[in-house]
Amino acid sequence: MTKDEMETLIKTKTRNKVRIRHLEQREGDSVAFLSYSIDDPNKMTIWHTEVPLSLQHMGIGGKLVEEAVQMAARDSSYLRIVCPFAKEHLASHPELRDRYAVQLQ
């Protein structure tokens, strides 16, 4: 299965009264995910991105970040990024912010 054929799933978990959602990409037994929350109707926070070794260097982490940015542009006004990988990815791909008109906090 190629990275383009992998299905992205959204799962929701509750931790410390905060609903944490995961965008997931699976290949076999390996799961890459990005954790985020909708903090209020206008704000989304990206908390963490994790890609197992078997799925690294395939662009999956960046794809998860881009999907989250698309969701933020569609559903929220502001995007807060705590995740170092997502911050670095957006810093090195400013066209994503421009394309989706996301305001960073």
Protein backbone atom coordinates (compact mmCIF):
# COMPACT_ATOMS: atom_id res chain seq x y z
CA MET A 1 0.00 0.00 0.00
CA THR A 2 1.44 3.39 -0.95
CA LYS A 3 1.15 6.49 1.19
CA ASP A 4 -1.49 7.84 -1.20
CA GLU A 5 -3.60 4.70 -0.76
CA MET A 6 -3.55 4.78 3.04
CA GLU A 7 -6.84 5.64 4.61
CA THR A 8 -6.94 8.50 7.08
CA LEU A 9 -9.13 7.80 10.08
CA ILE A 10 -10.32 10.21 12.74
CA LYS A 11 -10.67 8.86 16.27
CA THR A 12 -11.70 10.72 19.41
CA LYS A 13 -10.48 10.10 22.96
CA THR A 14 -11.10 12.10 26.13
CA ARG A 15 -8.13 12.90 28.37
CA ASN A 16 -8.40 15.16 31.42
CA LYS A 17 -11.76 16.44 30.17
CA VAL A 18 -10.22 17.51 26.84
CA ARG A 19 -11.43 15.73 23.72
CA ILE A 20 -8.30 14.71 21.87
CA ARG A 21 -8.85 13.62 18.31
CA HIS A 22 -6.42 11.64 16.18
CA LEU A 23 -5.92 11.73 12.47
CA GLU A 24 -4.48 8.27 11.77
CA GLN A 25 -2.76 6.64 8.83
CA ARG A 26 -2.33 2.87 8.99
CA GLU A 27 -0.16 0.50 7.03
CA GLY A 28 -0.26 -3.06 8.28
CA ASP A 29 0.31 -2.97 12.03
CA SER A 30 1.94 0.48 11.93
CA VAL A 31 -0.05 3.61 12.79
CA ALA A 32 1.05 7.21 12.28
CA PHE A 33 -1.08 9.84 14.00
CA LEU A 34 -1.56 13.52 14.69
CA SER A 35 -3.34 14.52 17.93
CA TYR A 36 -5.43 17.68 17.96
CA SER A 37 -8.30 19.28 19.83
CA ILE A 38 -11.01 21.75 19.00
CA ASP A 39 -10.66 24.16 21.91
CA ASP A 40 -13.62 26.33 21.00
CA PRO A 41 -15.54 26.82 17.76
CA ASN A 42 -12.82 29.12 16.43
CA LYS A 43 -9.63 27.44 17.63
CA MET A 44 -7.87 24.16 16.87
CA THR A 45 -4.70 22.97 18.64
CA ILE A 46 -2.23 20.48 17.13
CA TRP A 47 -0.65 18.69 20.10
CA HIS A 48 1.52 15.89 18.74
CA THR A 49 2.52 14.04 15.59
CA GLU A 50 4.01 10.55 15.72
CA VAL A 51 5.22 8.39 12.85
CA PRO A 52 6.71 4.95 13.58
CA LEU A 53 10.12 4.12 12.12
CA SER A 54 8.59 1.80 9.53
CA LEU A 55 6.58 4.70 8.06
CA GLN A 56 9.16 7.49 8.31
CA HIS A 57 10.60 9.26 5.25
CA MET A 58 7.42 8.65 3.26
CA GLY A 59 5.89 12.11 3.77
CA ILE A 60 3.18 10.77 6.07
CA GLY A 61 3.83 13.20 8.94
CA GLY A 62 3.63 16.13 6.55
CA LYS A 63 0.45 14.76 5.02
CA LEU A 64 -1.15 14.51 8.46
CA VAL A 65 -0.15 18.12 9.22
CA GLU A 66 -1.57 19.28 5.89
CA GLU A 67 -4.87 17.48 6.56
CA ALA A 68 -5.07 19.14 9.98
CA VAL A 69 -4.36 22.56 8.44
CA GLN A 70 -7.13 21.94 5.88
CA MET A 71 -9.53 21.05 8.70
CA ALA A 72 -8.55 24.18 10.64
CA ALA A 73 -9.10 26.35 7.58
CA ARG A 74 -12.50 24.80 6.99
CA ASP A 75 -13.74 24.61 10.59
CA SER A 76 -11.75 27.09 12.71
CA SER A 77 -10.38 30.60 12.48
CA TYR A 78 -7.18 30.04 14.46
CA LEU A 79 -4.62 27.27 14.65
CA ARG A 80 -2.41 26.83 17.72
CA ILE A 81 0.54 24.49 17.26
CA VAL A 82 2.25 22.85 20.23
CA CYS A 83 3.79 19.98 18.24
CA PRO A 84 7.43 20.72 17.24
CA PHE A 85 7.17 18.64 14.05
CA ALA A 86 4.04 20.49 12.88
CA LYS A 87 5.67 23.87 13.68
CA GLU A 88 8.77 22.91 11.69
CA HIS A 89 6.72 21.54 8.80
CA LEU A 90 4.66 24.73 8.49
CA ALA A 91 7.78 26.89 8.83
CA SER A 92 9.39 25.04 5.92
CA HIS A 93 6.15 25.04 3.86
CA PRO A 94 4.70 28.57 4.17
CA GLU A 95 2.60 27.92 1.07
CA LEU A 96 0.35 25.72 3.24
CA ARG A 97 -0.54 28.66 5.46
CA ASP A 98 -1.10 30.84 2.41
CA ARG A 99 -3.13 28.24 0.50
CA TYR A 100 -5.51 27.56 3.36
CA ALA A 101 -5.52 31.07 4.90
CA VAL A 102 -4.88 29.75 8.41
CA GLN A 103 -4.12 32.22 11.18
CA LEU A 104 -1.51 30.90 13.61
CA GLN A 105 -1.65 31.71 17.32
